Amino acid sequence: NFSGSDPSTPSLVILASGGYGRRELSPG
């Protein structure tokens, strides 16, 4: 579980960036 809920364990986050991060996707 890498959600960061336990500060003694490692954590990970997946970020949407660019146009996907802005929720500005077009079909292509």
PDB file of all heavy atoms in Angstrom:
ATOM      1  N   ASN A   1       0.864  -1.180   0.000  1.00  0.00           N
ATOM      2  CA  ASN A   1       0.000   0.000   0.000  1.00  0.00           C
ATOM      3  C   ASN A   1       0.899   1.227   0.000  1.00  0.00           C
ATOM      4  O   ASN A   1       1.618   1.476   0.960  1.00  0.00           O
ATOM      5  CB  ASN A   1      -0.903  -0.004   1.240  1.00  0.00           C
ATOM      6  CG  ASN A   1      -1.790   1.222   1.318  1.00  0.00           C
ATOM      7  OD1 ASN A   1      -1.777   2.073   0.433  1.00  0.00           O
ATOM      8  ND2 ASN A   1      -2.555   1.315   2.388  1.00  0.00           N
ATOM      9  N   PHE A   2       0.873   1.982  -1.089  1.00  0.00           N
ATOM     10  CA  PHE A   2       1.816   3.092  -1.247  1.00  0.00           C
ATOM     11  C   PHE A   2       1.086   4.440  -1.251  1.00  0.00           C
ATOM     12  O   PHE A   2       1.509   5.389  -1.905  1.00  0.00           O
ATOM     13  CB  PHE A   2       2.616   2.900  -2.534  1.00  0.00           C
ATOM     14  CG  PHE A   2       3.209   1.531  -2.649  1.00  0.00           C
ATOM     15  CD1 PHE A   2       2.638   0.569  -3.479  1.00  0.00           C
ATOM     16  CD2 PHE A   2       4.314   1.179  -1.888  1.00  0.00           C
ATOM     17  CE1 PHE A   2       3.177  -0.705  -3.566  1.00  0.00           C
ATOM     18  CE2 PHE A   2       4.852  -0.093  -1.963  1.00  0.00           C
ATOM     19  CZ  PHE A   2       4.281  -1.041  -2.809  1.00  0.00           C
ATOM     20  N   SER A   3      -0.010   4.507  -0.505  1.00  0.00           N
ATOM     21  CA  SER A   3      -0.839   5.706  -0.493  1.00  0.00           C
ATOM     22  C   SER A   3      -0.282   6.804   0.395  1.00  0.00           C
ATOM     23  O   SER A   3      -0.770   7.936   0.374  1.00  0.00           O
ATOM     24  CB  SER A   3      -2.257   5.359  -0.019  1.00  0.00           C
ATOM     25  OG  SER A   3      -2.222   4.924   1.331  1.00  0.00           O
ATOM     26  N   GLY A   4       0.729   6.475   1.202  1.00  0.00           N
ATOM     27  CA  GLY A   4       1.296   7.462   2.109  1.00  0.00           C
ATOM     28  C   GLY A   4       0.572   7.567   3.430  1.00  0.00           C
ATOM     29  O   GLY A   4       0.886   8.429   4.254  1.00  0.00           O
ATOM     30  N   SER A   5      -0.400   6.699   3.665  1.00  0.00           N
ATOM     31  CA  SER A   5      -1.153   6.745   4.928  1.00  0.00           C
ATOM     32  C   SER A   5      -0.259   6.389   6.123  1.00  0.00           C
ATOM     33  O   SER A   5      -0.488   6.843   7.238  1.00  0.00           O
ATOM     34  CB  SER A   5      -2.342   5.788   4.874  1.00  0.00           C
ATOM     35  OG  SER A   5      -1.919   4.470   4.552  1.00  0.00           O
ATOM     36  N   ASP A   6       0.759   5.572   5.869  1.00  0.00           N
ATOM     37  CA  ASP A   6       1.724   5.216   6.912  1.00  0.00           C
ATOM     38  C   ASP A   6       3.045   5.921   6.600  1.00  0.00           C
ATOM     39  O   ASP A   6       3.722   5.583   5.623  1.00  0.00           O
ATOM     40  CB  ASP A   6       1.932   3.701   6.944  1.00  0.00           C
ATOM     41  CG  ASP A   6       2.893   3.260   8.039  1.00  0.00           C
ATOM     42  OD1 ASP A   6       3.500   4.136   8.683  1.00  0.00           O
ATOM     43  OD2 ASP A   6       3.042   2.040   8.236  1.00  0.00           O
ATOM     44  N   PRO A   7       3.435   6.935   7.376  1.00  0.00           N
ATOM     45  CA  PRO A   7       4.651   7.707   7.069  1.00  0.00           C
ATOM     46  C   PRO A   7       5.932   6.889   7.109  1.00  0.00           C
ATOM     47  O   PRO A   7       6.970   7.333   6.607  1.00  0.00           O
ATOM     48  CB  PRO A   7       4.655   8.802   8.155  1.00  0.00           C
ATOM     49  CG  PRO A   7       3.784   8.286   9.239  1.00  0.00           C
ATOM     50  CD  PRO A   7       2.762   7.426   8.581  1.00  0.00           C
ATOM     51  N   SER A   8       5.890   5.697   7.707  1.00  0.00           N
ATOM     52  CA  SER A   8       7.094   4.875   7.799  1.00  0.00           C
ATOM     53  C   SER A   8       7.310   4.018   6.550  1.00  0.00           C
ATOM     54  O   SER A   8       8.338   3.354   6.429  1.00  0.00           O
ATOM     55  CB  SER A   8       7.012   3.969   9.033  1.00  0.00           C
ATOM     56  OG  SER A   8       5.950   3.029   8.900  1.00  0.00           O
ATOM     57  N   THR A   9       6.339   4.020   5.632  1.00  0.00           N
ATOM     58  CA  THR A   9       6.455   3.215   4.412  1.00  0.00           C
ATOM     59  C   THR A   9       6.591   4.125   3.198  1.00  0.00           C
ATOM     60  O   THR A   9       6.164   5.282   3.218  1.00  0.00           O
ATOM     61  CB  THR A   9       5.222   2.314   4.236  1.00  0.00           C
ATOM     62  OG1 THR A   9       4.046   3.126   4.131  1.00  0.00           O
ATOM     63  CG2 THR A   9       5.072   1.366   5.416  1.00  0.00           C
ATOM     64  N   PRO A  10       7.178   3.619   2.117  1.00  0.00           N
ATOM     65  CA  PRO A  10       7.344   4.445   0.913  1.00  0.00           C
ATOM     66  C   PRO A  10       5.999   4.715   0.246  1.00  0.00           C
ATOM     67  O   PRO A  10       5.027   3.980   0.451  1.00  0.00           O
ATOM     68  CB  PRO A  10       8.241   3.581   0.016  1.00  0.00           C
ATOM     69  CG  PRO A  10       7.955   2.180   0.429  1.00  0.00           C
ATOM     70  CD  PRO A  10       7.734   2.258   1.926  1.00  0.00           C
ATOM     71  N   SER A  11       5.948   5.770  -0.527  1.00  0.00           N
ATOM     72  CA  SER A  11       4.707   6.117  -1.219  1.00  0.00           C
ATOM     73  C   SER A  11       4.999   6.454  -2.681  1.00  0.00           C
ATOM     74  O   SER A  11       6.141   6.705  -3.069  1.00  0.00           O
ATOM     75  CB  SER A  11       3.996   7.291  -0.529  1.00  0.00           C
ATOM     76  OG  SER A  11       4.844   8.417  -0.452  1.00  0.00           O
ATOM     77  N   LEU A  12       3.924   6.465  -3.473  1.00  0.00           N
ATOM     78  CA  LEU A  12       4.035   6.706  -4.905  1.00  0.00           C
ATOM     79  C   LEU A  12       2.783   7.432  -5.373  1.00  0.00           C
ATOM     80  O   LEU A  12       1.692   7.186  -4.861  1.00  0.00           O
ATOM     81  CB  LEU A  12       4.163   5.362  -5.650  1.00  0.00           C
ATOM     82  CG  LEU A  12       4.192   5.394  -7.179  1.00  0.00           C
ATOM     83  CD1 LEU A  12       5.520   5.947  -7.679  1.00  0.00           C
ATOM     84  CD2 LEU A  12       3.975   3.973  -7.745  1.00  0.00           C
ATOM     85  N   VAL A  13       2.942   8.340  -6.329  1.00  0.00           N
ATOM     86  CA  VAL A  13       1.778   8.977  -6.923  1.00  0.00           C
ATOM     87  C   VAL A  13       1.937   8.974  -8.437  1.00  0.00           C
ATOM     88  O   VAL A  13       3.045   9.127  -8.965  1.00  0.00           O
ATOM     89  CB  VAL A  13       1.569  10.421  -6.406  1.00  0.00           C
ATOM     90  CG1 VAL A  13       2.717  11.346  -6.807  1.00  0.00           C
ATOM     91  CG2 VAL A  13       0.242  10.979  -6.896  1.00  0.00           C
ATOM     92  N   ILE A  14       0.835   8.751  -9.119  1.00  0.00           N
ATOM     93  CA  ILE A  14       0.798   8.830 -10.576  1.00  0.00           C
ATOM     94  C   ILE A  14       0.079  10.123 -10.937  1.00  0.00           C
ATOM     95  O   ILE A  14      -1.077  10.323 -10.562  1.00  0.00           O
ATOM     96  CB  ILE A  14       0.070   7.616 -11.184  1.00  0.00           C
ATOM     97  CG1 ILE A  14       0.771   6.327 -10.769  1.00  0.00           C
ATOM     98  CG2 ILE A  14       0.025   7.725 -12.710  1.00  0.00           C
ATOM     99  CD1 ILE A  14       0.054   5.070 -11.226  1.00  0.00           C
ATOM    100  N   LEU A  15       0.780  10.991 -11.649  1.00  0.00           N
ATOM    101  CA  LEU A  15       0.240  12.288 -12.026  1.00  0.00           C
ATOM    102  C   LEU A  15      -0.171  12.304 -13.492  1.00  0.00           C
ATOM    103  O   LEU A  15       0.548  11.782 -14.347  1.00  0.00           O
ATOM    104  CB  LEU A  15       1.283  13.390 -11.815  1.00  0.00           C
ATOM    105  CG  LEU A  15       1.855  13.561 -10.412  1.00  0.00           C
ATOM    106  CD1 LEU A  15       2.957  14.619 -10.435  1.00  0.00           C
ATOM    107  CD2 LEU A  15       0.770  13.950  -9.412  1.00  0.00           C
ATOM    108  N   ALA A  16      -1.325  12.895 -13.759  1.00  0.00           N
ATOM    109  CA  ALA A  16      -1.682  13.251 -15.134  1.00  0.00           C
ATOM    110  C   ALA A  16      -1.062  14.609 -15.393  1.00  0.00           C
ATOM    111  O   ALA A  16      -1.217  15.527 -14.586  1.00  0.00           O
ATOM    112  CB  ALA A  16      -3.195  13.319 -15.293  1.00  0.00           C
ATOM    113  N   SER A  17      -0.341  14.767 -16.490  1.00  0.00           N
ATOM    114  CA  SER A  17       0.316  16.035 -16.781  1.00  0.00           C
ATOM    115  C   SER A  17      -0.060  16.497 -18.179  1.00  0.00           C
ATOM    116  O   SER A  17      -0.763  15.812 -18.922  1.00  0.00           O
ATOM    117  CB  SER A  17       1.841  15.903 -16.628  1.00  0.00           C
ATOM    118  OG  SER A  17       2.336  14.800 -17.360  1.00  0.00           O
ATOM    119  N   GLY A  18       0.399  17.703 -18.539  1.00  0.00           N
ATOM    120  CA  GLY A  18       0.084  18.241 -19.859  1.00  0.00           C
ATOM    121  C   GLY A  18      -1.413  18.418 -20.045  1.00  0.00           C
ATOM    122  O   GLY A  18      -2.150  18.749 -19.107  1.00  0.00           O
ATOM    123  N   GLY A  19      -1.881  18.195 -21.264  1.00  0.00           N
ATOM    124  CA  GLY A  19      -3.309  18.344 -21.563  1.00  0.00           C
ATOM    125  C   GLY A  19      -4.169  17.383 -20.773  1.00  0.00           C
ATOM    126  O   GLY A  19      -5.303  17.720 -20.390  1.00  0.00           O
ATOM    127  N   TYR A  20      -3.645  16.189 -20.508  1.00  0.00           N
ATOM    128  CA  TYR A  20      -4.388  15.228 -19.692  1.00  0.00           C
ATOM    129  C   TYR A  20      -4.536  15.761 -18.275  1.00  0.00           C
ATOM    130  O   TYR A  20      -5.590  15.628 -17.652  1.00  0.00           O
ATOM    131  CB  TYR A  20      -3.656  13.883 -19.724  1.00  0.00           C
ATOM    132  CG  TYR A  20      -4.251  12.800 -18.868  1.00  0.00           C
ATOM    133  CD1 TYR A  20      -5.622  12.697 -18.667  1.00  0.00           C
ATOM    134  CD2 TYR A  20      -3.427  11.850 -18.271  1.00  0.00           C
ATOM    135  CE1 TYR A  20      -6.161  11.691 -17.886  1.00  0.00           C
ATOM    136  CE2 TYR A  20      -3.963  10.827 -17.494  1.00  0.00           C
ATOM    137  CZ  TYR A  20      -5.324  10.758 -17.292  1.00  0.00           C
ATOM    138  OH  TYR A  20      -5.849   9.760 -16.515  1.00  0.00           O
ATOM    139  N   GLY A  21      -3.491  16.395 -17.754  1.00  0.00           N
ATOM    140  CA  GLY A  21      -3.573  16.994 -16.424  1.00  0.00           C
ATOM    141  C   GLY A  21      -4.609  18.097 -16.363  1.00  0.00           C
ATOM    142  O   GLY A  21      -5.280  18.268 -15.337  1.00  0.00           O
ATOM    143  N   ARG A  22      -4.775  18.841 -17.448  1.00  0.00           N
ATOM    144  CA  ARG A  22      -5.773  19.914 -17.496  1.00  0.00           C
ATOM    145  C   ARG A  22      -7.177  19.392 -17.761  1.00  0.00           C
ATOM    146  O   ARG A  22      -8.120  20.161 -17.835  1.00  0.00           O
ATOM    147  CB  ARG A  22      -5.420  20.909 -18.614  1.00  0.00           C
ATOM    148  CG  ARG A  22      -4.162  21.708 -18.390  1.00  0.00           C
ATOM    149  CD  ARG A  22      -4.010  22.791 -19.462  1.00  0.00           C
ATOM    150  NE  ARG A  22      -3.898  22.248 -20.805  1.00  0.00           N
ATOM    151  CZ  ARG A  22      -2.774  21.856 -21.382  1.00  0.00           C
ATOM    152  NH1 ARG A  22      -1.632  21.916 -20.694  1.00  0.00           N
ATOM    153  NH2 ARG A  22      -2.749  21.382 -22.604  1.00  0.00           N
ATOM    154  N   ARG A  23      -7.327  18.093 -17.962  1.00  0.00           N
ATOM    155  CA  ARG A  23      -8.599  17.483 -18.388  1.00  0.00           C
ATOM    156  C   ARG A  23      -9.050  18.109 -19.710  1.00  0.00           C
ATOM    157  O   ARG A  23     -10.222  18.421 -19.900  1.00  0.00           O
ATOM    158  CB  ARG A  23      -9.690  17.648 -17.330  1.00  0.00           C
ATOM    159  CG  ARG A  23      -9.479  16.817 -16.078  1.00  0.00           C
ATOM    160  CD  ARG A  23     -10.724  16.847 -15.199  1.00  0.00           C
ATOM    161  NE  ARG A  23     -10.594  15.943 -14.059  1.00  0.00           N
ATOM    162  CZ  ARG A  23     -10.146  16.318 -12.862  1.00  0.00           C
ATOM    163  NH1 ARG A  23      -9.785  17.576 -12.678  1.00  0.00           N
ATOM    164  NH2 ARG A  23     -10.062  15.456 -11.865  1.00  0.00           N
ATOM    165  N   GLU A  24      -8.093  18.250 -20.620  1.00  0.00           N
ATOM    166  CA  GLU A  24      -8.362  18.921 -21.880  1.00  0.00           C
ATOM    167  C   GLU A  24      -8.070  17.988 -23.058  1.00  0.00           C
ATOM    168  O   GLU A  24      -7.576  18.422 -24.097  1.00  0.00           O
ATOM    169  CB  GLU A  24      -7.505  20.198 -21.976  1.00  0.00           C
ATOM    170  CG  GLU A  24      -8.075  21.272 -22.870  1.00  0.00           C
ATOM    171  CD  GLU A  24      -7.286  22.566 -22.766  1.00  0.00           C
ATOM    172  OE1 GLU A  24      -6.133  22.620 -23.206  1.00  0.00           O
ATOM    173  OE2 GLU A  24      -7.852  23.534 -22.227  1.00  0.00           O
ATOM    174  N   LEU A  25      -8.372  16.720 -22.891  1.00  0.00           N
ATOM    175  CA  LEU A  25      -8.085  15.745 -23.932  1.00  0.00           C
ATOM    176  C   LEU A  25      -9.009  15.923 -25.132  1.00  0.00           C
ATOM    177  O   LEU A  25     -10.205  16.178 -24.979  1.00  0.00           O
ATOM    178  CB  LEU A  25      -8.234  14.320 -23.392  1.00  0.00           C
ATOM    179  CG  LEU A  25      -7.199  13.838 -22.380  1.00  0.00           C
ATOM    180  CD1 LEU A  25      -7.512  12.408 -21.962  1.00  0.00           C
ATOM    181  CD2 LEU A  25      -5.785  13.937 -22.937  1.00  0.00           C
ATOM    182  N   SER A  26      -8.430  15.756 -26.313  1.00  0.00           N
ATOM    183  CA  SER A  26      -9.193  15.602 -27.550  1.00  0.00           C
ATOM    184  C   SER A  26      -9.079  14.134 -27.966  1.00  0.00           C
ATOM    185  O   SER A  26      -8.259  13.388 -27.407  1.00  0.00           O
ATOM    186  CB  SER A  26      -8.641  16.525 -28.636  1.00  0.00           C
ATOM    187  OG  SER A  26      -9.056  17.862 -28.408  1.00  0.00           O
ATOM    188  N   PRO A  27      -9.889  13.694 -28.940  1.00  0.00           N
ATOM    189  CA  PRO A  27      -9.862  12.268 -29.307  1.00  0.00           C
ATOM    190  C   PRO A  27      -8.481  11.721 -29.660  1.00  0.00           C
ATOM    191  O   PRO A  27      -8.188  10.564 -29.371  1.00  0.00           O
ATOM    192  CB  PRO A  27     -10.807  12.216 -30.506  1.00  0.00           C
ATOM    193  CG  PRO A  27     -11.791  13.301 -30.242  1.00  0.00           C
ATOM    194  CD  PRO A  27     -10.995  14.405 -29.609  1.00  0.00           C
ATOM    195  N   GLY A  28      -7.617  12.529 -30.253  1.00  0.00           N
ATOM    196  CA  GLY A  28      -6.300  12.032 -30.647  1.00  0.00           C
ATOM    197  C   GLY A  28      -5.170  12.486 -29.760  1.00  0.00           C
ATOM    198  O   GLY A  28      -3.996  12.307 -30.106  1.00  0.00           O
TER     199      GLY A  28
END
